[in-house]
Amino acid sequence: MEGWEMRLSDVEPGKTVRVREITGGPKARFAAMGLSKGIEVRVLKRAPLGDPIEIEVRGYKLSLREGEARFIEVE
C-alpha cells in the first residue's frame, strides 16, 4: 500500500518486523541500542496501558516508549 507507513508503535505483541527506516527522534540513541535499518525486531509485550513496549532486538530485550517507537518505520 503506497504512502502508508507502519510504525513499530503499531505492531501487535508476538509479531516480528524489519526496521525500514528511522524517521526522527534520538537516532544516535536508537543506533546505540542496536536499532538500525534492516534489523529484525520482535514485539514481546506492552504494558497494561500500552506504554512502554517491550521488544527483542539482536538477542536482547529492550523497552521503548510508544512515542519513541513512532519514529521507527517497519515492514
C-alpha atoms as a PDB file:
ATOM      1  CA  MET A   1       0.000   0.000   0.000  1.00  0.00           C
ATOM      2  CA  GLU A   2       1.763   3.147  -1.240  1.00  0.00           C
ATOM      3  CA  GLY A   3       2.016   6.067   1.183  1.00  0.00           C
ATOM      4  CA  TRP A   4       1.110   4.014   4.263  1.00  0.00           C
ATOM      5  CA  GLU A   5       3.877   3.506   6.759  1.00  0.00           C
ATOM      6  CA  MET A   6       3.691   1.006   9.559  1.00  0.00           C
ATOM      7  CA  ARG A   7       5.400   2.124  12.746  1.00  0.00           C
ATOM      8  CA  LEU A   8       6.845  -0.033  15.495  1.00  0.00           C
ATOM      9  CA  SER A   9       4.228   1.512  17.778  1.00  0.00           C
ATOM     10  CA  ASP A  10       1.507  -0.151  15.610  1.00  0.00           C
ATOM     11  CA  VAL A  11       2.879  -3.705  15.804  1.00  0.00           C
ATOM     12  CA  GLU A  12       0.996  -6.228  17.937  1.00  0.00           C
ATOM     13  CA  PRO A  13       2.819  -8.383  20.530  1.00  0.00           C
ATOM     14  CA  GLY A  14       4.137 -11.635  19.067  1.00  0.00           C
ATOM     15  CA  LYS A  15       4.890 -10.163  15.629  1.00  0.00           C
ATOM     16  CA  THR A  16       8.334  -9.858  14.071  1.00  0.00           C
ATOM     17  CA  VAL A  17       9.093  -6.964  11.726  1.00  0.00           C
ATOM     18  CA  ARG A  18      12.118  -5.471   9.985  1.00  0.00           C
ATOM     19  CA  VAL A  19      13.238  -1.860  10.515  1.00  0.00           C
ATOM     20  CA  ARG A  20      12.716   0.005   7.273  1.00  0.00           C
ATOM     21  CA  GLU A  21      13.827   3.444   8.424  1.00  0.00           C
ATOM     22  CA  ILE A  22      14.264   5.618  11.496  1.00  0.00           C
ATOM     23  CA  THR A  23      12.490   8.850  10.681  1.00  0.00           C
ATOM     24  CA  GLY A  24      13.380  11.017  13.671  1.00  0.00           C
ATOM     25  CA  GLY A  25      13.814  11.089  17.403  1.00  0.00           C
ATOM     26  CA  PRO A  26      17.038  10.178  19.198  1.00  0.00           C
ATOM     27  CA  LYS A  27      18.706   8.479  16.195  1.00  0.00           C
ATOM     28  CA  ALA A  28      22.097   8.106  17.905  1.00  0.00           C
ATOM     29  CA  ARG A  29      20.423   6.503  20.926  1.00  0.00           C
ATOM     30  CA  PHE A  30      18.480   4.103  18.692  1.00  0.00           C
ATOM     31  CA  ALA A  31      21.746   3.140  16.963  1.00  0.00           C
ATOM     32  CA  ALA A  32      23.431   2.567  20.342  1.00  0.00           C
ATOM     33  CA  MET A  33      20.556   0.217  21.258  1.00  0.00           C
ATOM     34  CA  GLY A  34      21.117  -1.789  18.070  1.00  0.00           C
ATOM     35  CA  LEU A  35      18.154  -0.419  16.156  1.00  0.00           C
ATOM     36  CA  SER A  36      19.158   0.249  12.568  1.00  0.00           C
ATOM     37  CA  LYS A  37      17.826  -0.224   9.056  1.00  0.00           C
ATOM     38  CA  GLY A  38      17.307  -3.876   8.111  1.00  0.00           C
ATOM     39  CA  ILE A  39      17.345  -5.295  11.659  1.00  0.00           C
ATOM     40  CA  GLU A  40      14.568  -7.677  12.736  1.00  0.00           C
ATOM     41  CA  VAL A  41      12.616  -6.674  15.821  1.00  0.00           C
ATOM     42  CA  ARG A  42      10.096  -8.824  17.690  1.00  0.00           C
ATOM     43  CA  VAL A  43       7.446  -7.124  19.804  1.00  0.00           C
ATOM     44  CA  LEU A  44       7.181  -9.110  23.027  1.00  0.00           C
ATOM     45  CA  LYS A  45       4.559  -7.262  25.040  1.00  0.00           C
ATOM     46  CA  ARG A  46       3.025  -3.958  26.001  1.00  0.00           C
ATOM     47  CA  ALA A  47       2.382  -2.549  29.446  1.00  0.00           C
ATOM     48  CA  PRO A  48      -1.302  -2.665  30.521  1.00  0.00           C
ATOM     49  CA  LEU A  49      -1.907   0.893  29.309  1.00  0.00           C
ATOM     50  CA  GLY A  50       0.138   0.323  26.110  1.00  0.00           C
ATOM     51  CA  ASP A  51       3.298   2.149  27.138  1.00  0.00           C
ATOM     52  CA  PRO A  52       6.134   1.097  27.231  1.00  0.00           C
ATOM     53  CA  ILE A  53       6.571  -1.566  24.557  1.00  0.00           C
ATOM     54  CA  GLU A  54       8.993  -4.446  25.195  1.00  0.00           C
ATOM     55  CA  ILE A  55      10.886  -5.632  22.108  1.00  0.00           C
ATOM     56  CA  GLU A  56      13.645  -8.094  21.322  1.00  0.00           C
ATOM     57  CA  VAL A  57      16.434  -6.859  19.066  1.00  0.00           C
ATOM     58  CA  ARG A  58      19.777  -8.559  18.352  1.00  0.00           C
ATOM     59  CA  GLY A  59      19.101 -11.152  21.066  1.00  0.00           C
ATOM     60  CA  TYR A  60      18.309  -8.835  23.956  1.00  0.00           C
ATOM     61  CA  LYS A  61      15.177  -7.229  25.403  1.00  0.00           C
ATOM     62  CA  LEU A  62      14.568  -3.523  25.293  1.00  0.00           C
ATOM     63  CA  SER A  63      11.720  -1.250  26.362  1.00  0.00           C
ATOM     64  CA  LEU A  64      10.706   1.776  24.306  1.00  0.00           C
ATOM     65  CA  ARG A  65       8.142   4.448  24.947  1.00  0.00           C
ATOM     66  CA  GLU A  66       5.324   4.484  22.409  1.00  0.00           C
ATOM     67  CA  GLY A  67       6.407   7.994  21.352  1.00  0.00           C
ATOM     68  CA  GLU A  68       9.891   6.690  20.551  1.00  0.00           C
ATOM     69  CA  ALA A  69       8.519   3.660  18.693  1.00  0.00           C
ATOM     70  CA  ARG A  70       6.606   6.005  16.372  1.00  0.00           C
ATOM     71  CA  PHE A  71       9.909   7.144  14.863  1.00  0.00           C
ATOM     72  CA  ILE A  72      10.730   3.590  13.710  1.00  0.00           C
ATOM     73  CA  GLU A  73       9.154   2.646  10.377  1.00  0.00           C
ATOM     74  CA  VAL A  74       8.864  -1.126   9.878  1.00  0.00           C
ATOM     75  CA  GLU A  75       7.762  -3.642   7.253  1.00  0.00           C
END
